């Protein structure tokens, strides 16, 4: 099977973005571009945890509903959720109604507050786990790494839930800690440029 597809502009892209119509824009404008905004990082970690056992297409199609249910993933607001607030998303047909995952988002919001208090920002903590470029596997050939294993372990030590190494690796791919676009993909160069000009939070790397 080819690792690329041809877009309407005649240029090659990662094969996976042809699997569903909504994937193309996500692939071209979001996936792999570096992110330092704490709410976006928290959102992606939360959505990746909801994806566990499901497809990303299912989650992406419901993303706006998730944002509405969780106040645009403002972790300070989510951290104040009461039992009544937990019951509301459990009744929301527009999201994945999994009690454990919903409760994990609330728990992780509280853990994020603690982390921000210690580290200054979620981004400053997350970007410490950016892999050494020389150590990277070929694009899209692995589902975890030493760094995702370590980040997963460190988050769990802090009390986070639903943050296994595969979930964390997918998060790292999406948030730009790794440029995992295949070499033939036209977006890979754009992501690489964005990563080169990106100011790493909390450091000079």
N, C-alpha and C. Protein backbone atom coordinates (compact mmCIF):
# COMPACT_ATOMS: atom_id res chain seq x y z
N UNK A 1 0.83 -1.19 0.00
CA UNK A 1 0.00 0.00 0.00
C UNK A 1 0.87 1.25 0.00
N UNK A 2 0.49 2.24 -0.78
CA UNK A 2 1.24 3.49 -0.84
C UNK A 2 1.14 4.22 0.49
N UNK A 3 2.23 4.93 0.85
CA UNK A 3 2.21 5.68 2.10
C UNK A 3 1.65 7.10 1.90
N UNK A 4 1.32 7.44 0.64
CA UNK A 4 0.78 8.76 0.35
C UNK A 4 -0.46 8.66 -0.53
N UNK A 5 -1.22 9.74 -0.54
CA UNK A 5 -2.29 9.93 -1.51
C UNK A 5 -2.04 11.25 -2.21
N UNK A 6 -2.66 11.43 -3.36
CA UNK A 6 -2.52 12.69 -4.08
C UNK A 6 -3.71 13.57 -3.75
N UNK A 7 -3.44 14.81 -3.30
CA UNK A 7 -4.51 15.75 -3.01
C UNK A 7 -5.06 16.38 -4.27
N UNK A 8 -6.11 17.18 -4.11
CA UNK A 8 -6.73 17.84 -5.27
C UNK A 8 -5.77 18.82 -5.93
N UNK A 9 -4.73 19.23 -5.19
CA UNK A 9 -3.72 20.13 -5.76
C UNK A 9 -2.60 19.36 -6.46
N UNK A 10 -2.73 18.03 -6.51
CA UNK A 10 -1.74 17.20 -7.18
C UNK A 10 -0.52 16.88 -6.33
N UNK A 11 -0.53 17.30 -5.05
CA UNK A 11 0.62 17.09 -4.18
C UNK A 11 0.36 15.94 -3.22
N UNK A 12 1.44 15.27 -2.84
CA UNK A 12 1.33 14.08 -1.99
C UNK A 12 1.08 14.45 -0.53
N UNK A 13 0.28 13.60 0.11
CA UNK A 13 -0.01 13.75 1.53
C UNK A 13 0.01 12.37 2.19
N UNK A 14 0.13 12.37 3.53
CA UNK A 14 0.08 11.11 4.28
C UNK A 14 -1.18 10.34 3.92
N UNK A 15 -1.03 9.05 3.73
CA UNK A 15 -2.12 8.22 3.24
C UNK A 15 -3.35 8.27 4.16
N UNK A 16 -3.12 8.37 5.49
CA UNK A 16 -4.24 8.27 6.42
C UNK A 16 -5.26 9.39 6.26
N UNK A 17 -4.83 10.54 5.72
CA UNK A 17 -5.77 11.66 5.65
C UNK A 17 -6.81 11.48 4.55
N UNK A 18 -6.67 10.43 3.74
CA UNK A 18 -7.69 10.14 2.74
C UNK A 18 -8.79 9.22 3.23
N UNK A 19 -8.69 8.80 4.50
CA UNK A 19 -9.64 7.83 5.04
C UNK A 19 -11.01 8.42 5.33
N UNK A 20 -11.09 9.73 5.51
CA UNK A 20 -12.37 10.39 5.80
C UNK A 20 -12.28 11.84 5.34
N UNK A 21 -13.38 12.42 4.86
CA UNK A 21 -13.33 13.79 4.33
C UNK A 21 -12.82 14.81 5.34
N UNK A 22 -13.18 14.64 6.62
CA UNK A 22 -12.80 15.62 7.63
C UNK A 22 -11.32 15.54 8.01
N UNK A 23 -10.64 14.47 7.59
CA UNK A 23 -9.23 14.31 7.95
C UNK A 23 -8.31 15.26 7.19
N UNK A 24 -8.67 15.62 5.97
CA UNK A 24 -7.75 16.38 5.12
C UNK A 24 -7.40 17.73 5.73
N UNK A 25 -8.42 18.49 6.14
CA UNK A 25 -8.15 19.80 6.73
C UNK A 25 -7.38 19.66 8.04
N UNK A 26 -7.75 18.66 8.84
CA UNK A 26 -7.05 18.41 10.11
C UNK A 26 -5.58 18.10 9.84
N UNK A 27 -5.33 17.26 8.84
CA UNK A 27 -3.95 16.90 8.46
C UNK A 27 -3.17 18.11 7.97
N UNK A 28 -3.80 18.94 7.14
CA UNK A 28 -3.10 20.05 6.49
C UNK A 28 -2.87 21.25 7.40
N UNK A 29 -3.73 21.44 8.41
CA UNK A 29 -3.67 22.67 9.19
C UNK A 29 -3.38 22.48 10.68
N UNK A 30 -3.51 21.24 11.19
CA UNK A 30 -3.34 21.03 12.63
C UNK A 30 -2.28 19.97 12.97
N UNK A 31 -2.40 18.79 12.39
CA UNK A 31 -1.62 17.65 12.84
C UNK A 31 -0.12 17.87 12.66
N UNK A 32 0.61 17.89 13.76
CA UNK A 32 2.06 18.03 13.70
C UNK A 32 2.57 19.44 13.90
N UNK A 33 1.69 20.44 13.78
CA UNK A 33 2.14 21.82 14.00
C UNK A 33 2.29 22.07 15.50
N UNK A 34 3.41 22.65 15.93
CA UNK A 34 3.69 22.76 17.36
C UNK A 34 2.71 23.68 18.10
N UNK A 35 2.34 23.26 19.30
CA UNK A 35 1.35 23.96 20.11
C UNK A 35 1.93 24.25 21.49
N UNK A 36 1.73 25.48 21.96
CA UNK A 36 2.18 25.84 23.31
C UNK A 36 1.03 26.34 24.17
N UNK A 37 -0.18 26.38 23.64
CA UNK A 37 -1.34 26.86 24.40
C UNK A 37 -1.82 25.77 25.35
N UNK A 38 -1.89 26.09 26.64
CA UNK A 38 -2.24 25.08 27.64
C UNK A 38 -3.63 24.47 27.42
N UNK A 39 -4.60 25.29 27.02
CA UNK A 39 -5.95 24.74 26.82
C UNK A 39 -5.99 23.77 25.66
N UNK A 40 -5.26 24.10 24.59
CA UNK A 40 -5.22 23.19 23.44
C UNK A 40 -4.50 21.89 23.78
N UNK A 41 -3.43 22.00 24.56
CA UNK A 41 -2.72 20.79 24.97
C UNK A 41 -3.60 19.92 25.87
N UNK A 42 -4.31 20.55 26.79
CA UNK A 42 -5.19 19.80 27.67
C UNK A 42 -6.34 19.19 26.87
N UNK A 43 -6.88 19.95 25.93
CA UNK A 43 -7.95 19.41 25.08
C UNK A 43 -7.48 18.16 24.36
N UNK A 44 -6.31 18.22 23.76
CA UNK A 44 -5.84 17.09 22.96
C UNK A 44 -5.58 15.87 23.83
N UNK A 45 -4.98 16.07 25.00
CA UNK A 45 -4.80 14.94 25.91
C UNK A 45 -6.13 14.33 26.30
N UNK A 46 -7.12 15.18 26.53
CA UNK A 46 -8.46 14.70 26.90
C UNK A 46 -9.11 13.94 25.75
N UNK A 47 -9.04 14.50 24.54
CA UNK A 47 -9.67 13.84 23.39
C UNK A 47 -8.97 12.53 23.04
N UNK A 48 -7.66 12.50 23.19
CA UNK A 48 -6.94 11.25 22.94
C UNK A 48 -7.36 10.18 23.95
N UNK A 49 -7.64 10.58 25.18
CA UNK A 49 -8.10 9.59 26.16
C UNK A 49 -9.49 9.09 25.80
N UNK A 50 -10.34 9.96 25.27
CA UNK A 50 -11.66 9.52 24.82
C UNK A 50 -11.54 8.59 23.62
N UNK A 51 -10.51 8.79 22.80
CA UNK A 51 -10.36 7.97 21.60
C UNK A 51 -9.99 6.53 21.93
N UNK A 52 -9.40 6.30 23.08
CA UNK A 52 -8.94 4.95 23.44
C UNK A 52 -10.04 3.92 23.19
N UNK A 53 -9.76 2.97 22.29
CA UNK A 53 -10.74 1.94 21.93
C UNK A 53 -11.68 2.36 20.81
N UNK A 54 -11.56 3.61 20.34
CA UNK A 54 -12.41 4.12 19.27
C UNK A 54 -11.52 4.64 18.13
N UNK A 55 -12.14 5.26 17.13
CA UNK A 55 -11.37 5.84 16.02
C UNK A 55 -11.27 7.35 16.22
N UNK A 56 -10.19 7.93 15.69
CA UNK A 56 -10.05 9.38 15.76
C UNK A 56 -11.17 10.06 14.96
N UNK A 57 -11.67 9.41 13.92
CA UNK A 57 -12.76 10.01 13.14
C UNK A 57 -13.98 10.24 14.04
N UNK A 58 -14.28 9.28 14.90
CA UNK A 58 -15.41 9.42 15.81
C UNK A 58 -15.23 10.63 16.71
N UNK A 59 -14.03 10.79 17.25
CA UNK A 59 -13.76 11.89 18.17
C UNK A 59 -13.73 13.23 17.44
N UNK A 60 -13.08 13.27 16.28
CA UNK A 60 -12.99 14.52 15.52
C UNK A 60 -14.37 15.02 15.11
N UNK A 61 -15.24 14.09 14.73
CA UNK A 61 -16.60 14.47 14.33
C UNK A 61 -17.39 15.06 15.50
N UNK A 62 -17.03 14.69 16.71
CA UNK A 62 -17.73 15.16 17.90
C UNK A 62 -16.96 16.26 18.63
N UNK A 63 -15.87 16.74 18.07
CA UNK A 63 -14.99 17.64 18.81
C UNK A 63 -15.70 18.90 19.28
N UNK A 64 -16.51 19.51 18.43
CA UNK A 64 -17.21 20.72 18.85
C UNK A 64 -18.18 20.43 20.00
N UNK A 65 -18.77 19.25 19.99
CA UNK A 65 -19.66 18.87 21.09
C UNK A 65 -18.87 18.70 22.38
N UNK A 66 -17.69 18.09 22.28
CA UNK A 66 -16.82 17.96 23.44
C UNK A 66 -16.44 19.34 23.99
N UNK A 67 -16.12 20.25 23.09
CA UNK A 67 -15.73 21.59 23.52
C UNK A 67 -16.87 22.28 24.25
N UNK A 68 -18.08 22.10 23.76
CA UNK A 68 -19.24 22.70 24.43
C UNK A 68 -19.46 22.06 25.80
N UNK A 69 -19.32 20.74 25.87
CA UNK A 69 -19.56 20.02 27.13
C UNK A 69 -18.52 20.34 28.19
N UNK A 70 -17.30 20.65 27.75
CA UNK A 70 -16.21 20.87 28.70
C UNK A 70 -15.64 22.30 28.64
N UNK A 71 -16.51 23.26 28.31
CA UNK A 71 -16.13 24.68 28.38
C UNK A 71 -14.82 24.97 27.65
N UNK A 72 -14.73 24.48 26.40
CA UNK A 72 -13.52 24.68 25.59
C UNK A 72 -12.27 24.19 26.30
N UNK A 73 -12.45 23.18 27.13
CA UNK A 73 -11.35 22.54 27.86
C UNK A 73 -10.56 23.53 28.72
N UNK A 74 -11.31 24.46 29.30
CA UNK A 74 -10.74 25.36 30.32
C UNK A 74 -10.60 24.54 31.60
N UNK A 75 -9.40 24.09 31.89
CA UNK A 75 -9.22 23.15 33.01
C UNK A 75 -9.54 23.78 34.37
N UNK A 76 -9.44 25.10 34.47
CA UNK A 76 -9.82 25.74 35.73
C UNK A 76 -11.32 25.61 35.99
N UNK A 77 -12.11 25.73 34.95
CA UNK A 77 -13.56 25.55 35.10
C UNK A 77 -13.92 24.09 35.31
N UNK A 78 -13.26 23.21 34.55
CA UNK A 78 -13.56 21.78 34.68
C UNK A 78 -13.20 21.27 36.07
N UNK A 79 -12.13 21.80 36.64
CA UNK A 79 -11.69 21.37 37.97
C UNK A 79 -12.75 21.63 39.04
N UNK A 80 -13.67 22.55 38.76
CA UNK A 80 -14.72 22.89 39.73
C UNK A 80 -16.00 22.08 39.50
N UNK A 81 -15.98 21.14 38.56
CA UNK A 81 -17.19 20.34 38.27
C UNK A 81 -17.67 19.63 39.53
N UNK A 82 -18.99 19.68 39.72
CA UNK A 82 -19.65 18.95 40.80
C UNK A 82 -20.22 17.64 40.25
N UNK A 83 -20.85 16.85 41.10
CA UNK A 83 -21.48 15.62 40.65
C UNK A 83 -22.55 15.92 39.59
N UNK A 84 -23.27 17.01 39.78
CA UNK A 84 -24.29 17.40 38.80
C UNK A 84 -23.65 17.72 37.45
N UNK A 85 -22.48 18.35 37.50
CA UNK A 85 -21.76 18.65 36.26
C UNK A 85 -21.29 17.38 35.56
N UNK A 86 -20.97 16.34 36.33
CA UNK A 86 -20.58 15.06 35.75
C UNK A 86 -21.77 14.39 35.08
N UNK A 87 -22.94 14.52 35.68
CA UNK A 87 -24.14 13.89 35.13
C UNK A 87 -24.55 14.50 33.80
N UNK A 88 -24.26 15.80 33.62
CA UNK A 88 -24.67 16.48 32.39
C UNK A 88 -24.01 15.87 31.14
N UNK A 89 -22.68 15.74 31.09
CA UNK A 89 -22.09 15.10 29.89
C UNK A 89 -22.48 13.62 29.74
N UNK A 90 -22.80 12.97 30.85
CA UNK A 90 -23.24 11.57 30.75
C UNK A 90 -24.55 11.45 29.99
N UNK A 91 -25.32 12.54 29.95
CA UNK A 91 -26.60 12.55 29.22
C UNK A 91 -26.46 13.14 27.82
N UNK A 92 -25.27 13.60 27.48
CA UNK A 92 -25.04 14.31 26.22
C UNK A 92 -24.74 13.32 25.10
N UNK A 93 -25.70 13.16 24.19
CA UNK A 93 -25.53 12.21 23.08
C UNK A 93 -24.50 12.68 22.05
N UNK A 94 -24.08 13.92 22.16
CA UNK A 94 -23.14 14.47 21.19
C UNK A 94 -21.68 14.12 21.47
N UNK A 95 -21.42 13.51 22.64
CA UNK A 95 -20.06 13.11 22.97
C UNK A 95 -20.02 11.62 23.26
N UNK A 96 -18.86 11.13 23.64
CA UNK A 96 -18.72 9.73 24.05
C UNK A 96 -19.06 9.67 25.55
N UNK A 97 -20.16 8.97 25.86
CA UNK A 97 -20.66 8.97 27.24
C UNK A 97 -20.06 7.79 28.01
N UNK A 98 -18.83 7.99 28.42
CA UNK A 98 -18.09 6.97 29.16
C UNK A 98 -17.74 7.59 30.52
N UNK A 99 -18.37 7.09 31.57
CA UNK A 99 -18.20 7.72 32.88
C UNK A 99 -16.74 7.81 33.30
N UNK A 100 -16.00 6.72 33.11
CA UNK A 100 -14.60 6.71 33.52
C UNK A 100 -13.78 7.78 32.82
N UNK A 101 -14.03 7.97 31.52
CA UNK A 101 -13.27 8.96 30.76
C UNK A 101 -13.70 10.38 31.10
N UNK A 102 -14.99 10.57 31.34
CA UNK A 102 -15.49 11.89 31.76
C UNK A 102 -14.89 12.26 33.12
N UNK A 103 -14.91 11.32 34.05
CA UNK A 103 -14.34 11.58 35.37
C UNK A 103 -12.83 11.79 35.27
N UNK A 104 -12.18 11.12 34.30
CA UNK A 104 -10.74 11.31 34.11
C UNK A 104 -10.43 12.74 33.65
N UNK A 105 -11.26 13.31 32.79
CA UNK A 105 -11.04 14.70 32.34
C UNK A 105 -11.09 15.64 33.54
N UNK A 106 -12.05 15.42 34.43
CA UNK A 106 -12.18 16.28 35.61
C UNK A 106 -10.98 16.09 36.54
N UNK A 107 -10.63 14.84 36.76
CA UNK A 107 -9.44 14.55 37.58
C UNK A 107 -8.20 15.18 36.96
N UNK A 108 -8.04 15.02 35.66
CA UNK A 108 -6.83 15.53 35.00
C UNK A 108 -6.80 17.06 34.98
N UNK A 109 -7.98 17.69 34.97
CA UNK A 109 -8.04 19.16 35.06
C UNK A 109 -7.46 19.61 36.40
N UNK A 110 -7.81 18.90 37.45
CA UNK A 110 -7.28 19.25 38.79
C UNK A 110 -5.79 18.99 38.87
N UNK A 111 -5.34 17.91 38.24
CA UNK A 111 -3.90 17.62 38.22
C UNK A 111 -3.16 18.67 37.38
N UNK A 112 -3.82 19.18 36.34
CA UNK A 112 -3.21 20.23 35.52
C UNK A 112 -3.02 21.50 36.34
N UNK A 113 -4.03 21.85 37.13
CA UNK A 113 -3.89 23.02 37.99
C UNK A 113 -2.67 22.89 38.91
N UNK A 114 -2.50 21.72 39.48
CA UNK A 114 -1.35 21.48 40.36
C UNK A 114 -0.04 21.58 39.59
N UNK A 115 -0.04 21.03 38.39
CA UNK A 115 1.16 21.05 37.56
C UNK A 115 1.52 22.49 37.17
N UNK A 116 0.52 23.27 36.79
CA UNK A 116 0.75 24.68 36.41
C UNK A 116 1.29 25.47 37.60
N UNK A 117 0.78 25.16 38.78
CA UNK A 117 1.27 25.83 39.99
C UNK A 117 2.76 25.54 40.21
N UNK A 118 3.18 24.31 39.91
CA UNK A 118 4.57 23.92 40.10
C UNK A 118 5.48 24.38 38.96
N UNK A 119 4.99 24.21 37.73
CA UNK A 119 5.86 24.36 36.55
C UNK A 119 5.68 25.68 35.80
N UNK A 120 4.61 26.39 36.09
CA UNK A 120 4.34 27.64 35.37
C UNK A 120 3.33 27.48 34.25
N UNK A 121 3.39 26.35 33.56
CA UNK A 121 2.43 26.05 32.50
C UNK A 121 2.48 24.57 32.16
N UNK A 122 1.40 24.08 31.61
CA UNK A 122 1.37 22.70 31.12
C UNK A 122 2.36 22.55 29.97
N UNK A 123 2.42 23.58 29.12
CA UNK A 123 3.31 23.52 27.95
C UNK A 123 4.77 23.37 28.36
N UNK A 124 5.18 24.12 29.37
CA UNK A 124 6.58 24.05 29.81
C UNK A 124 6.94 22.64 30.25
N UNK A 125 6.00 21.97 30.89
CA UNK A 125 6.23 20.59 31.33
C UNK A 125 6.25 19.63 30.14
N UNK A 126 5.25 19.72 29.29
CA UNK A 126 5.10 18.78 28.16
C UNK A 126 6.30 18.85 27.22
N UNK A 127 6.76 20.06 26.91
CA UNK A 127 7.80 20.20 25.89
C UNK A 127 9.18 19.73 26.36
N UNK A 128 9.30 19.42 27.64
CA UNK A 128 10.55 18.81 28.09
C UNK A 128 10.74 17.41 27.52
N UNK A 129 9.66 16.83 27.04
CA UNK A 129 9.69 15.45 26.54
C UNK A 129 9.84 15.39 25.02
N UNK A 130 10.14 16.52 24.41
CA UNK A 130 10.37 16.52 22.97
C UNK A 130 11.55 15.60 22.65
N UNK A 131 11.38 14.65 21.73
CA UNK A 131 12.46 13.70 21.45
C UNK A 131 13.65 14.35 20.74
N UNK A 132 14.78 13.74 20.91
CA UNK A 132 15.97 14.10 20.13
C UNK A 132 15.73 13.66 18.69
N UNK A 133 15.88 14.59 17.76
CA UNK A 133 15.61 14.28 16.35
C UNK A 133 16.41 13.08 15.85
N UNK A 134 17.60 12.89 16.39
CA UNK A 134 18.45 11.79 15.93
C UNK A 134 17.94 10.43 16.39
N UNK A 135 17.04 10.44 17.37
CA UNK A 135 16.55 9.18 17.94
C UNK A 135 15.21 8.74 17.36
N UNK A 136 14.64 9.56 16.48
CA UNK A 136 13.28 9.29 15.99
C UNK A 136 13.23 8.09 15.05
N UNK A 137 12.14 7.34 15.16
CA UNK A 137 11.87 6.26 14.20
C UNK A 137 11.40 6.86 12.89
N UNK A 138 11.38 6.05 11.84
CA UNK A 138 10.82 6.52 10.57
C UNK A 138 9.37 6.93 10.79
N UNK A 139 8.89 7.98 10.10
CA UNK A 139 7.54 8.47 10.32
C UNK A 139 6.47 7.36 10.23
N UNK A 140 5.57 7.41 11.19
CA UNK A 140 4.38 6.53 11.23
C UNK A 140 4.72 5.04 11.22
N UNK A 141 5.81 4.68 11.87
CA UNK A 141 6.18 3.26 11.94
C UNK A 141 6.07 2.71 13.36
N UNK A 142 5.87 3.59 14.35
CA UNK A 142 5.75 3.13 15.75
C UNK A 142 4.55 3.80 16.41
N UNK A 143 4.10 3.23 17.52
CA UNK A 143 2.94 3.79 18.24
C UNK A 143 3.31 4.26 19.64
N UNK A 144 4.58 4.13 20.00
CA UNK A 144 5.06 4.72 21.25
C UNK A 144 6.57 4.91 21.15
N UNK A 145 7.14 5.53 22.15
CA UNK A 145 8.57 5.82 22.14
C UNK A 145 9.05 5.90 23.57
N UNK A 146 10.36 6.00 23.72
CA UNK A 146 10.93 6.17 25.06
C UNK A 146 10.32 7.40 25.73
N UNK A 147 10.19 8.48 24.95
CA UNK A 147 9.66 9.73 25.51
C UNK A 147 8.20 9.61 25.89
N UNK A 148 7.40 8.93 25.06
CA UNK A 148 5.97 8.80 25.40
C UNK A 148 5.79 7.87 26.60
N UNK A 149 6.64 6.87 26.71
CA UNK A 149 6.61 5.99 27.89
C UNK A 149 6.96 6.77 29.16
N UNK A 150 7.97 7.62 29.04
CA UNK A 150 8.40 8.41 30.20
C UNK A 150 7.35 9.44 30.59
N UNK A 151 6.81 10.16 29.60
CA UNK A 151 5.78 11.17 29.89
C UNK A 151 4.54 10.51 30.49
N UNK A 152 4.13 9.39 29.92
CA UNK A 152 2.99 8.65 30.46
C UNK A 152 3.23 8.28 31.92
N UNK A 153 4.40 7.75 32.18
CA UNK A 153 4.73 7.32 33.55
C UNK A 153 4.74 8.51 34.51
N UNK A 154 5.31 9.63 34.07
CA UNK A 154 5.41 10.80 34.93
C UNK A 154 4.03 11.43 35.19
N UNK A 155 3.16 11.43 34.18
CA UNK A 155 1.80 11.94 34.39
C UNK A 155 1.03 11.05 35.36
N UNK A 156 1.18 9.75 35.20
CA UNK A 156 0.48 8.82 36.10
C UNK A 156 0.97 8.98 37.55
N UNK A 157 2.25 9.24 37.71
CA UNK A 157 2.79 9.47 39.06
C UNK A 157 2.12 10.68 39.71
N UNK A 158 1.74 11.64 38.87
CA UNK A 158 1.09 12.85 39.37
C UNK A 158 -0.42 12.66 39.55
N UNK A 159 -0.92 11.47 39.22
CA UNK A 159 -2.33 11.18 39.42
C UNK A 159 -3.22 11.29 38.20
N UNK A 160 -2.62 11.51 37.01
CA UNK A 160 -3.42 11.58 35.79
C UNK A 160 -3.97 10.19 35.45
N UNK A 161 -5.08 10.19 34.71
CA UNK A 161 -5.71 8.94 34.29
C UNK A 161 -5.91 8.92 32.78
N UNK A 162 -5.97 7.72 32.21
CA UNK A 162 -6.16 7.50 30.77
C UNK A 162 -5.07 8.20 29.96
N UNK A 163 -3.83 8.07 30.41
CA UNK A 163 -2.70 8.66 29.68
C UNK A 163 -1.63 7.58 29.47
N UNK A 164 -2.01 6.49 28.83
CA UNK A 164 -1.07 5.43 28.51
C UNK A 164 -0.08 5.89 27.45
N UNK A 165 1.02 5.15 27.24
CA UNK A 165 2.07 5.58 26.31
C UNK A 165 1.62 5.71 24.86
N UNK A 166 0.67 4.89 24.42
CA UNK A 166 0.18 5.02 23.04
C UNK A 166 -0.67 6.28 22.89
N UNK A 167 -1.52 6.54 23.88
CA UNK A 167 -2.32 7.77 23.90
C UNK A 167 -1.40 8.99 23.89
N UNK A 168 -0.36 8.95 24.72
CA UNK A 168 0.56 10.07 24.82
C UNK A 168 1.36 10.24 23.52
N UNK A 169 1.72 9.13 22.88
CA UNK A 169 2.48 9.24 21.62
C UNK A 169 1.62 9.91 20.54
N UNK A 170 0.35 9.52 20.46
CA UNK A 170 -0.56 10.16 19.48
C UNK A 170 -0.69 11.65 19.77
N UNK A 171 -0.74 12.00 21.04
CA UNK A 171 -0.78 13.41 21.46
C UNK A 171 0.49 14.13 21.00
N UNK A 172 1.65 13.51 21.18
CA UNK A 172 2.91 14.12 20.79
C UNK A 172 3.00 14.32 19.28
N UNK A 173 2.50 13.35 18.53
CA UNK A 173 2.45 13.49 17.06
C UNK A 173 1.59 14.69 16.67
N UNK A 174 0.42 14.80 17.28
CA UNK A 174 -0.54 15.82 16.88
C UNK A 174 -0.11 17.22 17.29
N UNK A 175 0.53 17.34 18.45
CA UNK A 175 0.88 18.65 19.00
C UNK A 175 2.26 19.15 18.58
N UNK A 176 2.91 18.42 17.69
CA UNK A 176 4.14 18.91 17.08
C UNK A 176 5.42 18.61 17.81
N UNK A 177 5.37 17.79 18.86
CA UNK A 177 6.62 17.39 19.50
C UNK A 177 7.42 16.47 18.58
N UNK A 178 6.72 15.88 17.62
CA UNK A 178 7.32 15.03 16.59
C UNK A 178 6.75 15.48 15.26
N UNK A 179 7.57 15.55 14.24
CA UNK A 179 7.05 15.74 12.88
C UNK A 179 6.93 14.35 12.26
N UNK A 180 5.73 13.77 12.32
CA UNK A 180 5.55 12.40 11.85
C UNK A 180 4.88 12.32 10.49
N UNK A 181 4.82 13.44 9.79
CA UNK A 181 4.40 13.39 8.39
C UNK A 181 5.46 12.62 7.60
N UNK A 182 5.02 11.77 6.68
CA UNK A 182 5.99 11.02 5.89
C UNK A 182 6.80 11.98 5.03
N UNK A 183 7.99 11.55 4.64
CA UNK A 183 8.92 12.45 3.95
C UNK A 183 8.35 12.96 2.63
N UNK A 184 7.49 12.18 1.99
CA UNK A 184 6.93 12.59 0.71
C UNK A 184 5.75 13.56 0.84
N UNK A 185 5.28 13.76 2.06
CA UNK A 185 4.08 14.59 2.29
C UNK A 185 4.42 16.07 2.16
N UNK A 186 3.59 16.81 1.43
CA UNK A 186 3.84 18.23 1.20
C UNK A 186 3.76 19.03 2.50
N UNK A 187 3.03 18.53 3.49
CA UNK A 187 2.86 19.26 4.75
C UNK A 187 4.07 19.09 5.66
N UNK A 188 4.87 18.05 5.44
CA UNK A 188 6.02 17.82 6.31
C UNK A 188 6.95 19.04 6.35
N UNK A 189 7.21 19.63 5.21
CA UNK A 189 8.10 20.80 5.15
C UNK A 189 7.49 21.98 5.89
N UNK A 190 6.18 22.16 5.77
CA UNK A 190 5.51 23.26 6.48
C UNK A 190 5.61 23.07 7.99
N UNK A 191 5.43 21.83 8.43
CA UNK A 191 5.54 21.53 9.86
C UNK A 191 6.97 21.76 10.33
N UNK A 192 7.94 21.36 9.51
CA UNK A 192 9.34 21.53 9.89
C UNK A 192 9.69 23.01 10.03
N UNK A 193 9.18 23.82 9.12
CA UNK A 193 9.41 25.27 9.23
C UNK A 193 8.79 25.82 10.51
N UNK A 194 7.57 25.36 10.80
CA UNK A 194 6.88 25.83 12.00
C UNK A 194 7.63 25.41 13.26
N UNK A 195 8.18 24.20 13.25
CA UNK A 195 8.94 23.72 14.42
C UNK A 195 10.25 24.50 14.59
N UNK A 196 10.87 24.88 13.49
CA UNK A 196 12.14 25.61 13.59
C UNK A 196 11.92 27.01 14.17
N UNK A 197 10.80 27.63 13.85
CA UNK A 197 10.53 28.99 14.35
C UNK A 197 9.79 28.99 15.68
N UNK A 198 9.40 27.82 16.15
CA UNK A 198 8.62 27.68 17.39
C UNK A 198 9.47 27.94 18.61
N UNK A 199 9.01 28.81 19.48
CA UNK A 199 9.72 29.08 20.74
C UNK A 199 9.26 28.07 21.79
N UNK A 200 10.18 27.19 22.17
CA UNK A 200 9.84 26.17 23.16
C UNK A 200 9.52 26.82 24.51
N UNK A 201 8.39 26.44 25.12
CA UNK A 201 8.04 27.01 26.42
C UNK A 201 9.03 26.57 27.50
N UNK A 202 9.43 27.51 28.32
CA UNK A 202 10.23 27.16 29.48
C UNK A 202 11.66 26.77 29.19
N UNK A 203 12.15 27.09 27.99
CA UNK A 203 13.53 26.70 27.68
C UNK A 203 13.97 27.27 26.35
N UNK A 204 15.22 26.99 26.02
CA UNK A 204 15.80 27.53 24.78
C UNK A 204 15.97 26.48 23.70
N UNK A 205 15.44 25.26 23.95
CA UNK A 205 15.67 24.17 23.00
C UNK A 205 15.07 24.48 21.65
